[in-house]
Amino acid sequence: DNAKNTVYLQMNSLKPEDAALYYCAANNRRNYSGSLYYTSDYDYW
């Protein structure tokens, strides 16, 4: 919700293997079209 500056993760049907510390991250690189799967792809945590 960009009006609230908030991102959500709705998690259903949770399994024991989903247990973890969950982090959100932001990529603010202009016109970015690279990978999004690695921690190095993000700038803020």
PDB file of all heavy atoms in Angstrom:
ATOM      1  N   ASP A   1       0.876  -1.164   0.000  1.00  0.00           N
ATOM      2  CA  ASP A   1       0.000   0.000   0.000  1.00  0.00           C
ATOM      3  C   ASP A   1       0.911   1.211   0.000  1.00  0.00           C
ATOM      4  O   ASP A   1       1.468   1.579   1.052  1.00  0.00           O
ATOM      5  CB  ASP A   1      -0.915  -0.021   1.225  1.00  0.00           C
ATOM      6  CG  ASP A   1      -1.924   1.112   1.225  1.00  0.00           C
ATOM      7  OD1 ASP A   1      -1.698   2.125   0.538  1.00  0.00           O
ATOM      8  OD2 ASP A   1      -2.944   0.980   1.928  1.00  0.00           O
ATOM      9  N   ASN A   2       1.094   1.807  -1.151  1.00  0.00           N
ATOM     10  CA  ASN A   2       2.037   2.919  -1.249  1.00  0.00           C
ATOM     11  C   ASN A   2       1.559   4.153  -0.485  1.00  0.00           C
ATOM     12  O   ASN A   2       2.372   4.966  -0.050  1.00  0.00           O
ATOM     13  CB  ASN A   2       2.294   3.262  -2.714  1.00  0.00           C
ATOM     14  CG  ASN A   2       3.135   2.202  -3.408  1.00  0.00           C
ATOM     15  OD1 ASN A   2       3.839   1.426  -2.760  1.00  0.00           O
ATOM     16  ND2 ASN A   2       3.044   2.141  -4.733  1.00  0.00           N
ATOM     17  N   ALA A   3       0.259   4.291  -0.312  1.00  0.00           N
ATOM     18  CA  ALA A   3      -0.249   5.416   0.471  1.00  0.00           C
ATOM     19  C   ALA A   3       0.143   5.293   1.941  1.00  0.00           C
ATOM     20  O   ALA A   3       0.235   6.300   2.653  1.00  0.00           O
ATOM     21  CB  ALA A   3      -1.760   5.493   0.342  1.00  0.00           C
ATOM     22  N   LYS A   4       0.377   4.063   2.386  1.00  0.00           N
ATOM     23  CA  LYS A   4       0.763   3.824   3.779  1.00  0.00           C
ATOM     24  C   LYS A   4       2.234   3.486   3.906  1.00  0.00           C
ATOM     25  O   LYS A   4       2.698   3.149   5.005  1.00  0.00           O
ATOM     26  CB  LYS A   4      -0.085   2.691   4.363  1.00  0.00           C
ATOM     27  CG  LYS A   4      -1.563   3.014   4.450  1.00  0.00           C
ATOM     28  CD  LYS A   4      -2.330   1.866   5.088  1.00  0.00           C
ATOM     29  CE  LYS A   4      -3.821   2.220   5.214  1.00  0.00           C
ATOM     30  NZ  LYS A   4      -4.596   1.100   5.824  1.00  0.00           N
ATOM     31  N   ASN A   5       2.969   3.514   2.802  1.00  0.00           N
ATOM     32  CA  ASN A   5       4.397   3.158   2.821  1.00  0.00           C
ATOM     33  C   ASN A   5       4.618   1.797   3.481  1.00  0.00           C
ATOM     34  O   ASN A   5       5.547   1.620   4.295  1.00  0.00           O
ATOM     35  CB  ASN A   5       5.217   4.219   3.567  1.00  0.00           C
ATOM     36  CG  ASN A   5       5.557   5.407   2.699  1.00  0.00           C
ATOM     37  OD1 ASN A   5       4.939   5.617   1.664  1.00  0.00           O
ATOM     38  ND2 ASN A   5       6.523   6.198   3.125  1.00  0.00           N
ATOM     39  N   THR A   6       3.783   0.849   3.136  1.00  0.00           N
ATOM     40  CA  THR A   6       3.822  -0.439   3.805  1.00  0.00           C
ATOM     41  C   THR A   6       3.751  -1.578   2.785  1.00  0.00           C
ATOM     42  O   THR A   6       2.987  -1.510   1.819  1.00  0.00           O
ATOM     43  CB  THR A   6       2.665  -0.572   4.804  1.00  0.00           C
ATOM     44  OG1 THR A   6       2.776   0.485   5.775  1.00  0.00           O
ATOM     45  CG2 THR A   6       2.718  -1.906   5.536  1.00  0.00           C
ATOM     46  N   VAL A   7       4.539  -2.605   3.045  1.00  0.00           N
ATOM     47  CA  VAL A   7       4.474  -3.836   2.276  1.00  0.00           C
ATOM     48  C   VAL A   7       4.053  -4.955   3.219  1.00  0.00           C
ATOM     49  O   VAL A   7       4.403  -4.932   4.399  1.00  0.00           O
ATOM     50  CB  VAL A   7       5.817  -4.143   1.575  1.00  0.00           C
ATOM     51  CG1 VAL A   7       6.932  -4.365   2.588  1.00  0.00           C
ATOM     52  CG2 VAL A   7       5.690  -5.335   0.639  1.00  0.00           C
ATOM     53  N   TYR A   8       3.289  -5.886   2.686  1.00  0.00           N
ATOM     54  CA  TYR A   8       2.735  -6.970   3.490  1.00  0.00           C
ATOM     55  C   TYR A   8       3.173  -8.327   2.953  1.00  0.00           C
ATOM     56  O   TYR A   8       3.471  -8.481   1.767  1.00  0.00           O
ATOM     57  CB  TYR A   8       1.206  -6.913   3.475  1.00  0.00           C
ATOM     58  CG  TYR A   8       0.636  -5.589   3.909  1.00  0.00           C
ATOM     59  CD1 TYR A   8       0.238  -4.634   2.971  1.00  0.00           C
ATOM     60  CD2 TYR A   8       0.496  -5.280   5.263  1.00  0.00           C
ATOM     61  CE1 TYR A   8      -0.288  -3.412   3.365  1.00  0.00           C
ATOM     62  CE2 TYR A   8      -0.030  -4.066   5.657  1.00  0.00           C
ATOM     63  CZ  TYR A   8      -0.417  -3.142   4.706  1.00  0.00           C
ATOM     64  OH  TYR A   8      -0.926  -1.930   5.109  1.00  0.00           O
ATOM     65  N   LEU A   9       3.159  -9.299   3.840  1.00  0.00           N
ATOM     66  CA  LEU A   9       3.325 -10.687   3.429  1.00  0.00           C
ATOM     67  C   LEU A   9       2.247 -11.502   4.140  1.00  0.00           C
ATOM     68  O   LEU A   9       2.335 -11.710   5.344  1.00  0.00           O
ATOM     69  CB  LEU A   9       4.712 -11.208   3.773  1.00  0.00           C
ATOM     70  CG  LEU A   9       5.018 -12.611   3.248  1.00  0.00           C
ATOM     71  CD1 LEU A   9       5.088 -12.611   1.715  1.00  0.00           C
ATOM     72  CD2 LEU A   9       6.315 -13.158   3.834  1.00  0.00           C
ATOM     73  N   GLN A  10       1.246 -11.902   3.381  1.00  0.00           N
ATOM     74  CA  GLN A  10       0.201 -12.752   3.924  1.00  0.00           C
ATOM     75  C   GLN A  10       0.651 -14.194   3.795  1.00  0.00           C
ATOM     76  O   GLN A  10       0.950 -14.659   2.686  1.00  0.00           O
ATOM     77  CB  GLN A  10      -1.110 -12.538   3.163  1.00  0.00           C
ATOM     78  CG  GLN A  10      -2.241 -13.439   3.614  1.00  0.00           C
ATOM     79  CD  GLN A  10      -2.720 -13.134   5.017  1.00  0.00           C
ATOM     80  OE1 GLN A  10      -2.898 -11.984   5.394  1.00  0.00           O
ATOM     81  NE2 GLN A  10      -2.937 -14.175   5.818  1.00  0.00           N
ATOM     82  N   MET A  11       0.710 -14.882   4.923  1.00  0.00           N
ATOM     83  CA  MET A  11       1.210 -16.254   4.947  1.00  0.00           C
ATOM     84  C   MET A  11       0.094 -17.175   5.419  1.00  0.00           C
ATOM     85  O   MET A  11      -0.374 -17.053   6.552  1.00  0.00           O
ATOM     86  CB  MET A  11       2.418 -16.352   5.876  1.00  0.00           C
ATOM     87  CG  MET A  11       3.525 -15.360   5.540  1.00  0.00           C
ATOM     88  SD  MET A  11       5.018 -15.609   6.520  1.00  0.00           S
ATOM     89  CE  MET A  11       4.406 -15.245   8.146  1.00  0.00           C
ATOM     90  N   ASN A  12      -0.321 -18.059   4.548  1.00  0.00           N
ATOM     91  CA  ASN A  12      -1.362 -19.031   4.863  1.00  0.00           C
ATOM     92  C   ASN A  12      -0.789 -20.438   4.836  1.00  0.00           C
ATOM     93  O   ASN A  12       0.280 -20.676   4.288  1.00  0.00           O
ATOM     94  CB  ASN A  12      -2.506 -18.914   3.861  1.00  0.00           C
ATOM     95  CG  ASN A  12      -3.170 -17.562   3.867  1.00  0.00           C
ATOM     96  OD1 ASN A  12      -3.237 -16.892   4.909  1.00  0.00           O
ATOM     97  ND2 ASN A  12      -3.668 -17.124   2.726  1.00  0.00           N
ATOM     98  N   SER A  13      -1.538 -21.353   5.412  1.00  0.00           N
ATOM     99  CA  SER A  13      -1.132 -22.767   5.426  1.00  0.00           C
ATOM    100  C   SER A  13       0.315 -22.929   5.881  1.00  0.00           C
ATOM    101  O   SER A  13       1.106 -23.642   5.253  1.00  0.00           O
ATOM    102  CB  SER A  13      -1.315 -23.383   4.028  1.00  0.00           C
ATOM    103  OG  SER A  13      -2.651 -23.256   3.593  1.00  0.00           O
ATOM    104  N   LEU A  14       0.633 -22.287   6.972  1.00  0.00           N
ATOM    105  CA  LEU A  14       2.015 -22.284   7.444  1.00  0.00           C
ATOM    106  C   LEU A  14       2.467 -23.672   7.852  1.00  0.00           C
ATOM    107  O   LEU A  14       1.691 -24.469   8.408  1.00  0.00           O
ATOM    108  CB  LEU A  14       2.170 -21.301   8.595  1.00  0.00           C
ATOM    109  CG  LEU A  14       2.259 -19.840   8.133  1.00  0.00           C
ATOM    110  CD1 LEU A  14       1.927 -18.894   9.283  1.00  0.00           C
ATOM    111  CD2 LEU A  14       3.642 -19.550   7.576  1.00  0.00           C
ATOM    112  N   LYS A  15       3.732 -23.928   7.579  1.00  0.00           N
ATOM    113  CA  LYS A  15       4.360 -25.204   7.892  1.00  0.00           C
ATOM    114  C   LYS A  15       5.506 -24.977   8.875  1.00  0.00           C
ATOM    115  O   LYS A  15       6.067 -23.878   8.921  1.00  0.00           O
ATOM    116  CB  LYS A  15       4.916 -25.837   6.618  1.00  0.00           C
ATOM    117  CG  LYS A  15       3.889 -26.002   5.513  1.00  0.00           C
ATOM    118  CD  LYS A  15       4.553 -26.533   4.244  1.00  0.00           C
ATOM    119  CE  LYS A  15       3.546 -26.702   3.113  1.00  0.00           C
ATOM    120  NZ  LYS A  15       4.192 -27.220   1.876  1.00  0.00           N
ATOM    121  N   PRO A  16       5.897 -25.996   9.615  1.00  0.00           N
ATOM    122  CA  PRO A  16       7.034 -25.822  10.536  1.00  0.00           C
ATOM    123  C   PRO A  16       8.287 -25.317   9.820  1.00  0.00           C
ATOM    124  O   PRO A  16       9.053 -24.538  10.412  1.00  0.00           O
ATOM    125  CB  PRO A  16       7.232 -27.231  11.093  1.00  0.00           C
ATOM    126  CG  PRO A  16       5.867 -27.844  11.044  1.00  0.00           C
ATOM    127  CD  PRO A  16       5.249 -27.308   9.780  1.00  0.00           C
ATOM    128  N   GLU A  17       8.475 -25.698   8.579  1.00  0.00           N
ATOM    129  CA  GLU A  17       9.667 -25.255   7.851  1.00  0.00           C
ATOM    130  C   GLU A  17       9.608 -23.793   7.433  1.00  0.00           C
ATOM    131  O   GLU A  17      10.598 -23.253   6.921  1.00  0.00           O
ATOM    132  CB  GLU A  17       9.908 -26.134   6.615  1.00  0.00           C
ATOM    133  CG  GLU A  17       8.724 -26.281   5.690  1.00  0.00           C
ATOM    134  CD  GLU A  17       7.942 -27.553   5.962  1.00  0.00           C
ATOM    135  OE1 GLU A  17       7.740 -27.908   7.155  1.00  0.00           O
ATOM    136  OE2 GLU A  17       7.508 -28.187   4.975  1.00  0.00           O
ATOM    137  N   ASP A  18       8.484 -23.129   7.640  1.00  0.00           N
ATOM    138  CA  ASP A  18       8.388 -21.682   7.392  1.00  0.00           C
ATOM    139  C   ASP A  18       8.911 -20.864   8.571  1.00  0.00           C
ATOM    140  O   ASP A  18       9.063 -19.645   8.455  1.00  0.00           O
ATOM    141  CB  ASP A  18       6.939 -21.276   7.127  1.00  0.00           C
ATOM    142  CG  ASP A  18       6.379 -21.865   5.844  1.00  0.00           C
ATOM    143  OD1 ASP A  18       7.104 -21.895   4.834  1.00  0.00           O
ATOM    144  OD2 ASP A  18       5.213 -22.307   5.868  1.00  0.00           O
ATOM    145  N   ALA A  19       9.162 -21.510   9.689  1.00  0.00           N
ATOM    146  CA  ALA A  19       9.633 -20.795  10.864  1.00  0.00           C
ATOM    147  C   ALA A  19      10.998 -20.165  10.605  1.00  0.00           C
ATOM    148  O   ALA A  19      11.914 -20.830  10.119  1.00  0.00           O
ATOM    149  CB  ALA A  19       9.712 -21.744  12.052  1.00  0.00           C
ATOM    150  N   ALA A  20      11.113 -18.892  10.898  1.00  0.00           N
ATOM    151  CA  ALA A  20      12.359 -18.167  10.629  1.00  0.00           C
ATOM    152  C   ALA A  20      12.202 -16.730  11.106  1.00  0.00           C
ATOM    153  O   ALA A  20      11.107 -16.294  11.474  1.00  0.00           O
ATOM    154  CB  ALA A  20      12.689 -18.183   9.141  1.00  0.00           C
ATOM    155  N   LEU A  21      13.294 -16.012  11.043  1.00  0.00           N
ATOM    156  CA  LEU A  21      13.264 -14.568  11.215  1.00  0.00           C
ATOM    157  C   LEU A  21      13.018 -13.975   9.835  1.00  0.00           C
ATOM    158  O   LEU A  21      13.776 -14.242   8.901  1.00  0.00           O
ATOM    159  CB  LEU A  21      14.577 -14.079  11.799  1.00  0.00           C
ATOM    160  CG  LEU A  21      14.661 -12.621  12.222  1.00  0.00           C
ATOM    161  CD1 LEU A  21      13.653 -12.310  13.326  1.00  0.00           C
ATOM    162  CD2 LEU A  21      16.073 -12.299  12.676  1.00  0.00           C
ATOM    163  N   TYR A  22      11.947 -13.213   9.700  1.00  0.00           N
ATOM    164  CA  TYR A  22      11.557 -12.652   8.415  1.00  0.00           C
ATOM    165  C   TYR A  22      11.970 -11.186   8.342  1.00  0.00           C
ATOM    166  O   TYR A  22      11.669 -10.402   9.248  1.00  0.00           O
ATOM    167  CB  TYR A  22      10.051 -12.772   8.208  1.00  0.00           C
ATOM    168  CG  TYR A  22       9.623 -14.154   7.785  1.00  0.00           C
ATOM    169  CD1 TYR A  22       9.648 -15.214   8.677  1.00  0.00           C
ATOM    170  CD2 TYR A  22       9.190 -14.401   6.485  1.00  0.00           C
ATOM    171  CE1 TYR A  22       9.272 -16.495   8.283  1.00  0.00           C
ATOM    172  CE2 TYR A  22       8.801 -15.669   6.083  1.00  0.00           C
ATOM    173  CZ  TYR A  22       8.852 -16.708   6.990  1.00  0.00           C
ATOM    174  OH  TYR A  22       8.468 -17.973   6.608  1.00  0.00           O
ATOM    175  N   TYR A  23      12.638 -10.858   7.250  1.00  0.00           N
ATOM    176  CA  TYR A  23      13.122  -9.501   7.026  1.00  0.00           C
ATOM    177  C   TYR A  23      12.462  -8.900   5.777  1.00  0.00           C
ATOM    178  O   TYR A  23      12.262  -9.609   4.787  1.00  0.00           O
ATOM    179  CB  TYR A  23      14.623  -9.495   6.765  1.00  0.00           C
ATOM    180  CG  TYR A  23      15.493  -9.992   7.885  1.00  0.00           C
ATOM    181  CD1 TYR A  23      15.851 -11.324   7.995  1.00  0.00           C
ATOM    182  CD2 TYR A  23      15.994  -9.093   8.835  1.00  0.00           C
ATOM    183  CE1 TYR A  23      16.659 -11.769   9.011  1.00  0.00           C
ATOM    184  CE2 TYR A  23      16.820  -9.529   9.861  1.00  0.00           C
ATOM    185  CZ  TYR A  23      17.147 -10.859   9.939  1.00  0.00           C
ATOM    186  OH  TYR A  23      17.956 -11.294  10.951  1.00  0.00           O
ATOM    187  N   CYS A  24      12.174  -7.619   5.830  1.00  0.00           N
ATOM    188  CA  CYS A  24      11.831  -6.947   4.587  1.00  0.00           C
ATOM    189  C   CYS A  24      13.048  -6.142   4.125  1.00  0.00           C
ATOM    190  O   CYS A  24      13.918  -5.778   4.927  1.00  0.00           O
ATOM    191  CB  CYS A  24      10.607  -6.062   4.717  1.00  0.00           C
ATOM    192  SG  CYS A  24      10.825  -4.565   5.658  1.00  0.00           S
ATOM    193  N   ALA A  25      13.097  -5.901   2.831  1.00  0.00           N
ATOM    194  CA  ALA A  25      14.231  -5.228   2.224  1.00  0.00           C
ATOM    195  C   ALA A  25      13.751  -4.350   1.083  1.00  0.00           C
ATOM    196  O   ALA A  25      12.721  -4.631   0.468  1.00  0.00           O
ATOM    197  CB  ALA A  25      15.237  -6.256   1.711  1.00  0.00           C
ATOM    198  N   ALA A  26      14.510  -3.308   0.815  1.00  0.00           N
ATOM    199  CA  ALA A  26      14.154  -2.358  -0.237  1.00  0.00           C
ATOM    200  C   ALA A  26      15.294  -2.210  -1.241  1.00  0.00           C
ATOM    201  O   ALA A  26      16.457  -2.093  -0.857  1.00  0.00           O
ATOM    202  CB  ALA A  26      13.815  -0.997   0.370  1.00  0.00           C
ATOM    203  N   ASN A  27      14.910  -2.213  -2.504  1.00  0.00           N
ATOM    204  CA  ASN A  27      15.834  -1.934  -3.613  1.00  0.00           C
ATOM    205  C   ASN A  27      15.427  -0.597  -4.209  1.00  0.00           C
ATOM    206  O   ASN A  27      14.304  -0.460  -4.711  1.00  0.00           O
ATOM    207  CB  ASN A  27      15.729  -3.053  -4.645  1.00  0.00           C
ATOM    208  CG  ASN A  27      16.488  -2.767  -5.936  1.00  0.00           C
ATOM    209  OD1 ASN A  27      16.399  -1.686  -6.487  1.00  0.00           O
ATOM    210  ND2 ASN A  27      17.215  -3.756  -6.421  1.00  0.00           N
ATOM    211  N   ASN A  28      16.318   0.389  -4.112  1.00  0.00           N
ATOM    212  CA  ASN A  28      15.971   1.723  -4.611  1.00  0.00           C
ATOM    213  C   ASN A  28      16.821   2.121  -5.809  1.00  0.00           C
ATOM    214  O   ASN A  28      17.048   3.303  -6.043  1.00  0.00           O
ATOM    215  CB  ASN A  28      16.086   2.758  -3.487  1.00  0.00           C
ATOM    216  CG  ASN A  28      17.534   3.082  -3.152  1.00  0.00           C
ATOM    217  OD1 ASN A  28      18.417   2.266  -3.399  1.00  0.00           O
ATOM    218  ND2 ASN A  28      17.788   4.259  -2.605  1.00  0.00           N
ATOM    219  N   ARG A  29      17.240   1.144  -6.595  1.00  0.00           N
ATOM    220  CA  ARG A  29      18.111   1.417  -7.740  1.00  0.00           C
ATOM    221  C   ARG A  29      17.255   1.786  -8.947  1.00  0.00           C
ATOM    222  O   ARG A  29      16.398   1.032  -9.381  1.00  0.00           O
ATOM    223  CB  ARG A  29      18.975   0.193  -8.032  1.00  0.00           C
ATOM    224  CG  ARG A  29      19.785  -0.223  -6.820  1.00  0.00           C
ATOM    225  CD  ARG A  29      20.448  -1.565  -6.924  1.00  0.00           C
ATOM    226  NE  ARG A  29      20.808  -2.040  -5.599  1.00  0.00           N
ATOM    227  CZ  ARG A  29      21.433  -3.195  -5.366  1.00  0.00           C
ATOM    228  NH1 ARG A  29      21.759  -3.994  -6.382  1.00  0.00           N
ATOM    229  NH2 ARG A  29      21.702  -3.546  -4.123  1.00  0.00           N
ATOM    230  N   ARG A  30      17.547   2.939  -9.519  1.00  0.00           N
ATOM    231  CA  ARG A  30      16.758   3.474 -10.632  1.00  0.00           C
ATOM    232  C   ARG A  30      16.794   2.531 -11.817  1.00  0.00           C
ATOM    233  O   ARG A  30      17.845   2.020 -12.195  1.00  0.00           O
ATOM    234  CB  ARG A  30      17.287   4.848 -11.026  1.00  0.00           C
ATOM    235  CG  ARG A  30      16.499   5.534 -12.111  1.00  0.00           C
ATOM    236  CD  ARG A  30      17.169   6.846 -12.500  1.00  0.00           C
ATOM    237  NE  ARG A  30      17.084   7.823 -11.417  1.00  0.00           N
ATOM    238  CZ  ARG A  30      16.074   8.669 -11.278  1.00  0.00           C
ATOM    239  NH1 ARG A  30      15.083   8.650 -12.137  1.00  0.00           N
ATOM    240  NH2 ARG A  30      16.091   9.533 -10.296  1.00  0.00           N
ATOM    241  N   ASN A  31      15.640   2.285 -12.380  1.00  0.00           N
ATOM    242  CA  ASN A  31      15.505   1.462 -13.603  1.00  0.00           C
ATOM    243  C   ASN A  31      16.135   0.079 -13.437  1.00  0.00           C
ATOM    244  O   ASN A  31      16.709  -0.478 -14.372  1.00  0.00           O
ATOM    245  CB  ASN A  31      16.127   2.178 -14.805  1.00  0.00           C
ATOM    246  CG  ASN A  31      15.446   3.487 -15.106  1.00  0.00           C
ATOM    247  OD1 ASN A  31      14.228   3.609 -15.008  1.00  0.00           O
ATOM    248  ND2 ASN A  31      16.230   4.495 -15.470  1.00  0.00           N
ATOM    249  N   TYR A  32      16.018  -0.474 -12.249  1.00  0.00           N
ATOM    250  CA  TYR A  32      16.644  -1.765 -11.955  1.00  0.00           C
ATOM    251  C   TYR A  32      15.904  -2.895 -12.641  1.00  0.00           C
ATOM    252  O   TYR A  32      14.681  -2.974 -12.608  1.00  0.00           O
ATOM    253  CB  TYR A  32      16.655  -1.997 -10.449  1.00  0.00           C
ATOM    254  CG  TYR A  32      17.375  -3.249 -10.041  1.00  0.00           C
ATOM    255  CD1 TYR A  32      18.757  -3.285  -9.996  1.00  0.00           C
ATOM    256  CD2 TYR A  32      16.677  -4.404  -9.693  1.00  0.00           C
ATOM    257  CE1 TYR A  32      19.432  -4.423  -9.608  1.00  0.00           C
ATOM    258  CE2 TYR A  32      17.334  -5.551  -9.299  1.00  0.00           C
ATOM    259  CZ  TYR A  32      18.724  -5.558  -9.264  1.00  0.00           C
ATOM    260  OH  TYR A  32      19.388  -6.689  -8.885  1.00  0.00           O
ATOM    261  N   SER A  33      16.676  -3.781 -13.279  1.00  0.00           N
ATOM    262  CA  SER A  33      16.067  -4.930 -13.955  1.00  0.00           C
ATOM    263  C   SER A  33      16.862  -6.206 -13.698  1.00  0.00           C
ATOM    264  O   SER A  33      16.740  -7.177 -14.443  1.00  0.00           O
ATOM    265  CB  SER A  33      15.985  -4.675 -15.465  1.00  0.00           C
ATOM    266  OG  SER A  33      17.282  -4.473 -15.993  1.00  0.00           O
ATOM    267  N   GLY A  34      17.644  -6.201 -12.646  1.00  0.00           N
ATOM    268  CA  GLY A  34      18.456  -7.362 -12.336  1.00  0.00           C
ATOM    269  C   GLY A  34      17.770  -8.339 -11.407  1.00  0.00           C
ATOM    270  O   GLY A  34      16.548  -8.321 -11.230  1.00  0.00           O
ATOM    271  N   SER A  35      18.576  -9.176 -10.797  1.00  0.00           N
ATOM    272  CA  SER A  35      18.068 -10.188  -9.890  1.00  0.00           C
ATOM    273  C   SER A  35      17.435  -9.560  -8.645  1.00  0.00           C
ATOM    274  O   SER A  35      17.802  -8.462  -8.231  1.00  0.00           O
ATOM    275  CB  SER A  35      19.226 -11.085  -9.448  1.00  0.00           C
ATOM    276  OG  SER A  35      18.873 -11.871  -8.326  1.00  0.00           O
ATOM    277  N   LEU A  36      16.505 -10.291  -8.075  1.00  0.00           N
ATOM    278  CA  LEU A  36      15.890  -9.881  -6.811  1.00  0.00           C
ATOM    279  C   LEU A  36      15.982 -10.981  -5.776  1.00  0.00           C
ATOM    280  O   LEU A  36      15.315 -10.908  -4.750  1.00  0.00           O
ATOM    281  CB  LEU A  36      14.427  -9.510  -7.044  1.00  0.00           C
ATOM    282  CG  LEU A  36      14.194  -8.254  -7.875  1.00  0.00           C
ATOM    283  CD1 LEU A  36      12.722  -8.117  -8.223  1.00  0.00           C
ATOM    284  CD2 LEU A  36      14.674  -7.011  -7.137  1.00  0.00           C
ATOM    285  N   TYR A  37      16.785 -11.991  -6.033  1.00  0.00           N
ATOM    286  CA  TYR A  37      16.791 -13.189  -5.208  1.00  0.00           C
ATOM    287  C   TYR A  37      17.908 -13.258  -4.184  1.00  0.00           C
ATOM    288  O   TYR A  37      17.959 -14.213  -3.396  1.00  0.00           O
ATOM    289  CB  TYR A  37      16.869 -14.417  -6.117  1.00  0.00           C
ATOM    290  CG  TYR A  37      15.741 -14.503  -7.117  1.00  0.00           C
ATOM    291  CD1 TYR A  37      15.976 -14.480  -8.484  1.00  0.00           C
ATOM    292  CD2 TYR A  37      14.419 -14.594  -6.683  1.00  0.00           C
ATOM    293  CE1 TYR A  37      14.936 -14.555  -9.398  1.00  0.00           C
ATOM    294  CE2 TYR A  37      13.378 -14.665  -7.589  1.00  0.00           C
ATOM    295  CZ  TYR A  37      13.642 -14.648  -8.955  1.00  0.00           C
ATOM    296  OH  TYR A  37      12.618 -14.715  -9.850  1.00  0.00           O
ATOM    297  N   TYR A  38      18.787 -12.262  -4.185  1.00  0.00           N
ATOM    298  CA  TYR A  38      19.941 -12.291  -3.292  1.00  0.00           C
ATOM    299  C   TYR A  38      19.943 -11.074  -2.386  1.00  0.00           C
ATOM    300  O   TYR A  38      19.462 -10.001  -2.754  1.00  0.00           O
ATOM    301  CB  TYR A  38      21.227 -12.343  -4.117  1.00  0.00           C
ATOM    302  CG  TYR A  38      21.280 -13.526  -5.048  1.00  0.00           C
ATOM    303  CD1 TYR A  38      20.949 -13.386  -6.400  1.00  0.00           C
ATOM    304  CD2 TYR A  38      21.605 -14.796  -4.583  1.00  0.00           C
ATOM    305  CE1 TYR A  38      20.964 -14.479  -7.247  1.00  0.00           C
ATOM    306  CE2 TYR A  38      21.622 -15.888  -5.421  1.00  0.00           C
ATOM    307  CZ  TYR A  38      21.300 -15.719  -6.756  1.00  0.00           C
ATOM    308  OH  TYR A  38      21.296 -16.803  -7.599  1.00  0.00           O
ATOM    309  N   THR A  39      20.533 -11.229  -1.214  1.00  0.00           N
ATOM    310  CA  THR A  39      20.575 -10.111  -0.279  1.00  0.00           C
ATOM    311  C   THR A  39      21.308  -8.921  -0.869  1.00  0.00           C
ATOM    312  O   THR A  39      20.973  -7.771  -0.564  1.00  0.00           O
ATOM    313  CB  THR A  39      21.224 -10.541   1.038  1.00  0.00           C
ATOM    314  OG1 THR A  39      22.541 -11.041   0.772  1.00  0.00           O
ATOM    315  CG2 THR A  39      20.401 -11.634   1.732  1.00  0.00           C
ATOM    316  N   SER A  40      22.279  -9.168  -1.721  1.00  0.00           N
ATOM    317  CA  SER A  40      23.043  -8.079  -2.326  1.00  0.00           C
ATOM    318  C   SER A  40      22.230  -7.274  -3.349  1.00  0.00           C
ATOM    319  O   SER A  40      22.693  -6.229  -3.811  1.00  0.00           O
ATOM    320  CB  SER A  40      24.306  -8.624  -3.003  1.00  0.00           C
ATOM    321  OG  SER A  40      23.954  -9.589  -3.984  1.00  0.00           O
ATOM    322  N   ASP A  41      21.044  -7.740  -3.676  1.00  0.00           N
ATOM    323  CA  ASP A  41      20.180  -7.017  -4.611  1.00  0.00           C
ATOM    324  C   ASP A  41      19.387  -5.912  -3.919  1.00  0.00           C
ATOM    325  O   ASP A  41      18.637  -5.192  -4.581  1.00  0.00           O
ATOM    326  CB  ASP A  41      19.200  -7.989  -5.276  1.00  0.00           C
ATOM    327  CG  ASP A  41      19.919  -9.055  -6.097  1.00  0.00           C
ATOM    328  OD1 ASP A  41      20.987  -8.756  -6.653  1.00  0.00           O
ATOM    329  OD2 ASP A  41      19.399 -10.191  -6.158  1.00  0.00           O
ATOM    330  N   TYR A  42      19.537  -5.803  -2.614  1.00  0.00           N
ATOM    331  CA  TYR A  42      18.761  -4.841  -1.830  1.00  0.00           C
ATOM    332  C   TYR A  42      19.659  -3.881  -1.078  1.00  0.00           C
ATOM    333  O   TYR A  42      20.800  -4.213  -0.749  1.00  0.00           O
ATOM    334  CB  TYR A  42      17.823  -5.581  -0.861  1.00  0.00           C
ATOM    335  CG  TYR A  42      16.805  -6.408  -1.608  1.00  0.00           C
ATOM    336  CD1 TYR A  42      17.122  -7.673  -2.083  1.00  0.00           C
ATOM    337  CD2 TYR A  42      15.533  -5.908  -1.873  1.00  0.00           C
ATOM    338  CE1 TYR A  42      16.201  -8.417  -2.798  1.00  0.00           C
ATOM    339  CE2 TYR A  42      14.604  -6.655  -2.575  1.00  0.00           C
ATOM    340  CZ  TYR A  42      14.944  -7.905  -3.042  1.00  0.00           C
ATOM    341  OH  TYR A  42      14.038  -8.643  -3.756  1.00  0.00           O
ATOM    342  N   ASP A  43      19.129  -2.706  -0.830  1.00  0.00           N
ATOM    343  CA  ASP A  43      19.926  -1.634  -0.250  1.00  0.00           C
ATOM    344  C   ASP A  43      19.602  -1.336   1.214  1.00  0.00           C
ATOM    345  O   ASP A  43      20.454  -0.803   1.932  1.00  0.00           O
ATOM    346  CB  ASP A  43      19.700  -0.353  -1.073  1.00  0.00           C
ATOM    347  CG  ASP A  43      19.979  -0.580  -2.545  1.00  0.00           C
ATOM    348  OD1 ASP A  43      21.144  -0.858  -2.887  1.00  0.00           O
ATOM    349  OD2 ASP A  43      19.015  -0.518  -3.349  1.00  0.00           O
ATOM    350  N   TYR A  44      18.400  -1.621   1.631  1.00  0.00           N
ATOM    351  CA  TYR A  44      17.978  -1.323   3.002  1.00  0.00           C
ATOM    352  C   TYR A  44      17.271  -2.547   3.585  1.00  0.00           C
ATOM    353  O   TYR A  44      16.555  -3.256   2.867  1.00  0.00           O
ATOM    354  CB  TYR A  44      17.038  -0.108   3.033  1.00  0.00           C
ATOM    355  CG  TYR A  44      17.654   1.140   2.473  1.00  0.00           C
ATOM    356  CD1 TYR A  44      17.350   1.565   1.186  1.00  0.00           C
ATOM    357  CD2 TYR A  44      18.547   1.888   3.240  1.00  0.00           C
ATOM    358  CE1 TYR A  44      17.924   2.705   0.667  1.00  0.00           C
ATOM    359  CE2 TYR A  44      19.129   3.032   2.716  1.00  0.00           C
ATOM    360  CZ  TYR A  44      18.814   3.435   1.429  1.00  0.00           C
ATOM    361  OH  TYR A  44      19.387   4.564   0.917  1.00  0.00           O
ATOM    362  N   TRP A  45      17.438  -2.698   4.900  1.00  0.00           N
ATOM    363  CA  TRP A  45      16.900  -3.867   5.588  1.00  0.00           C
ATOM    364  C   TRP A  45      16.240  -3.456   6.896  1.00  0.00           C
ATOM    365  O   TRP A  45      16.692  -2.527   7.571  1.00  0.00           O
ATOM    366  CB  TRP A  45      18.020  -4.865   5.884  1.00  0.00           C
ATOM    367  CG  TRP A  45      18.555  -5.487   4.647  1.00  0.00           C
ATOM    368  CD1 TRP A  45      19.502  -4.980   3.798  1.00  0.00           C
ATOM    369  CD2 TRP A  45      18.143  -6.732   4.077  1.00  0.00           C
ATOM    370  NE1 TRP A  45      19.700  -5.832   2.741  1.00  0.00           N
ATOM    371  CE2 TRP A  45      18.885  -6.911   2.885  1.00  0.00           C
ATOM    372  CE3 TRP A  45      17.224  -7.704   4.448  1.00  0.00           C
ATOM    373  CZ2 TRP A  45      18.735  -8.039   2.074  1.00  0.00           C
ATOM    374  CZ3 TRP A  45      17.073  -8.825   3.645  1.00  0.00           C
ATOM    375  CH2 TRP A  45      17.823  -8.981   2.474  1.00  0.00           C
TER     376      TRP A  45
END
